[in-house]
């Protein structure tokens, strides 16, 4: 990530949408183990994710994330519903979206080919797999 002037790198703004505190902790630890400089923001359900992305309510001053990590099973709005809402919203649809799941056969279970997502990772997130996935996303 650059600052837009091609000079010094800036931190990657990452939004994690995850309702399990243990998974939040493990994901933070995995990201700290990477070489990616990042700012981490956490919301715990799909409705909060949409509010964060649209900078509504308590998230009025939230930054626009450069990457979204989205748990698939969430309270209120499920991960697939959040992904669909993001996909249908102009500039938000340009943000790379990685779905997180606890299921080892993630691609078959999630049907990621049918979802507007860029990648899927199995929880707990492995730092090497995360780094490889992020590096493969051209938009980040």
Protein backbone atom coordinates (compact mmCIF):
# COMPACT_ATOMS: atom_id res chain seq x y z
CA UNK A 1 0.00 0.00 0.00
CA UNK A 2 1.39 3.40 -0.82
CA UNK A 3 0.34 6.84 0.25
CA UNK A 4 -0.82 7.68 -3.25
CA UNK A 5 2.26 9.79 -4.01
CA UNK A 6 4.43 6.73 -4.57
CA UNK A 7 6.60 7.55 -1.57
CA UNK A 8 6.41 5.82 1.79
CA UNK A 9 4.13 2.84 2.48
CA UNK A 10 1.11 3.33 4.71
CA UNK A 11 -0.67 0.86 6.92
CA UNK A 12 -3.27 -1.38 5.34
CA UNK A 13 -6.72 -0.65 6.84
CA UNK A 14 -8.26 -4.04 7.63
CA UNK A 15 -11.86 -4.55 8.73
CA UNK A 16 -12.49 -7.85 10.51
CA UNK A 17 -16.14 -8.85 10.81
CA UNK A 18 -16.10 -11.58 13.46
CA UNK A 19 -18.40 -12.38 16.39
CA UNK A 20 -16.13 -14.85 18.20
CA UNK A 21 -13.63 -13.09 20.54
CA UNK A 22 -11.25 -16.07 20.36
CA UNK A 23 -11.17 -15.93 16.57
CA UNK A 24 -10.61 -12.16 16.72
CA UNK A 25 -7.59 -12.71 18.98
CA UNK A 26 -6.18 -15.52 16.82
CA UNK A 27 -6.64 -13.47 13.63
CA UNK A 28 -4.89 -10.47 15.20
CA UNK A 29 -1.99 -12.72 16.25
CA UNK A 30 -1.71 -14.21 12.77
CA UNK A 31 -1.63 -10.75 11.18
CA UNK A 32 1.00 -9.53 13.62
CA UNK A 33 3.18 -12.43 12.47
CA UNK A 34 3.15 -11.12 8.88
CA UNK A 35 5.24 -8.34 7.37
CA UNK A 36 2.09 -6.38 6.52
CA UNK A 37 1.86 -3.06 8.32
CA UNK A 38 -1.81 -2.68 9.20
CA UNK A 39 -4.47 -0.94 11.23
CA UNK A 40 -7.05 -3.37 12.52
CA UNK A 41 -10.76 -2.60 13.01
CA UNK A 42 -13.26 -5.14 14.39
CA UNK A 43 -17.05 -5.28 14.25
CA UNK A 44 -19.06 -8.20 15.59
CA UNK A 45 -22.02 -8.59 13.24
CA UNK A 46 -23.17 -7.96 9.70
CA UNK A 47 -25.21 -4.87 10.49
CA UNK A 48 -22.20 -3.24 12.18
CA UNK A 49 -20.09 -4.11 9.14
CA UNK A 50 -22.50 -2.30 6.83
CA UNK A 51 -22.62 0.70 9.19
CA UNK A 52 -18.80 0.78 9.34
CA UNK A 53 -18.52 0.63 5.55
CA UNK A 54 -21.12 3.36 5.06
CA UNK A 55 -19.69 5.42 7.96
CA UNK A 56 -23.03 5.56 9.79
CA UNK A 57 -23.79 6.06 13.48
CA UNK A 58 -20.90 5.28 15.80
CA UNK A 59 -18.77 4.53 12.73
CA UNK A 60 -19.19 7.98 11.16
CA UNK A 61 -15.43 8.60 11.37
CA UNK A 62 -14.32 5.10 10.38
CA UNK A 63 -11.68 4.79 7.66
CA UNK A 64 -12.43 3.11 4.37
CA UNK A 65 -10.88 -0.35 4.65
CA UNK A 66 -8.38 -1.60 2.10
CA UNK A 67 -9.35 -5.19 2.93
CA UNK A 68 -12.35 -6.90 4.53
CA UNK A 69 -12.06 -10.18 6.45
CA UNK A 70 -15.58 -11.54 6.80
CA UNK A 71 -16.72 -14.41 9.02
CA UNK A 72 -19.37 -16.39 7.20
CA UNK A 73 -21.65 -17.18 10.13
CA UNK A 74 -22.66 -13.94 11.84
CA UNK A 75 -25.54 -12.70 13.96
CA UNK A 76 -28.09 -10.41 12.35
CA UNK A 77 -26.78 -10.25 8.76
CA UNK A 78 -24.94 -13.40 7.66
CA UNK A 79 -21.63 -13.20 5.78
CA UNK A 80 -23.22 -13.99 2.42
CA UNK A 81 -25.76 -11.18 2.95
CA UNK A 82 -22.99 -8.74 3.85
CA UNK A 83 -21.00 -9.79 0.77
CA UNK A 84 -24.07 -9.26 -1.44
CA UNK A 85 -24.66 -5.77 0.02
CA UNK A 86 -21.02 -4.85 -0.52
CA UNK A 87 -21.11 -6.20 -4.07
CA UNK A 88 -24.05 -4.00 -4.94
CA UNK A 89 -22.45 -0.79 -3.66
CA UNK A 90 -20.17 1.04 -6.13
CA UNK A 91 -16.84 1.83 -4.48
CA UNK A 92 -17.31 -0.73 -1.69
CA UNK A 93 -17.41 -3.49 -4.30
CA UNK A 94 -13.80 -2.61 -5.14
CA UNK A 95 -12.54 -3.56 -1.65
CA UNK A 96 -11.01 -7.05 -1.62
CA UNK A 97 -13.14 -9.42 0.46
CA UNK A 98 -11.79 -12.54 2.14
CA UNK A 99 -14.30 -14.88 3.75
CA UNK A 100 -13.23 -16.67 6.95
CA UNK A 101 -14.70 -20.02 7.91
CA UNK A 102 -14.07 -22.76 10.42
CA UNK A 103 -14.94 -25.44 7.87
CA UNK A 104 -11.90 -27.17 6.30
CA UNK A 105 -13.72 -27.80 3.00
CA UNK A 106 -14.38 -24.08 2.76
CA UNK A 107 -14.80 -23.73 -1.00
CA UNK A 108 -17.41 -26.48 -1.30
CA UNK A 109 -19.33 -25.40 1.80
CA UNK A 110 -19.29 -21.69 1.07
CA UNK A 111 -19.83 -21.94 -2.66
CA UNK A 112 -17.30 -19.14 -3.06
CA UNK A 113 -17.75 -19.27 -6.83
CA UNK A 114 -21.29 -17.99 -6.29
CA UNK A 115 -20.32 -15.25 -3.81
CA UNK A 116 -18.76 -11.86 -4.60
CA UNK A 117 -15.59 -12.73 -2.66
CA UNK A 118 -11.95 -12.65 -3.66
CA UNK A 119 -10.71 -15.51 -1.46
CA UNK A 120 -11.57 -17.77 1.46
CA UNK A 121 -9.40 -18.75 4.43
CA UNK A 122 -9.95 -21.40 7.06
CA UNK A 123 -9.92 -20.32 10.71
CA UNK A 124 -7.80 -20.07 12.66
CA UNK A 125 -6.01 -17.90 10.11
CA UNK A 126 -2.49 -19.05 9.26
CA UNK A 127 -0.12 -16.08 8.87
CA UNK A 128 1.72 -17.54 5.85
CA UNK A 129 -1.52 -18.42 4.04
CA UNK A 130 -2.90 -14.97 4.85
CA UNK A 131 0.19 -13.22 3.49
CA UNK A 132 0.13 -15.36 0.35
CA UNK A 133 -3.57 -14.61 -0.16
CA UNK A 134 -3.19 -10.86 0.37
CA UNK A 135 -0.23 -10.74 -2.01
CA UNK A 136 -2.33 -12.51 -4.65
CA UNK A 137 -5.01 -9.82 -4.52
CA UNK A 138 -4.09 -7.26 -7.16
CA UNK A 139 -6.25 -4.47 -5.69
CA UNK A 140 -4.51 -4.38 -2.29
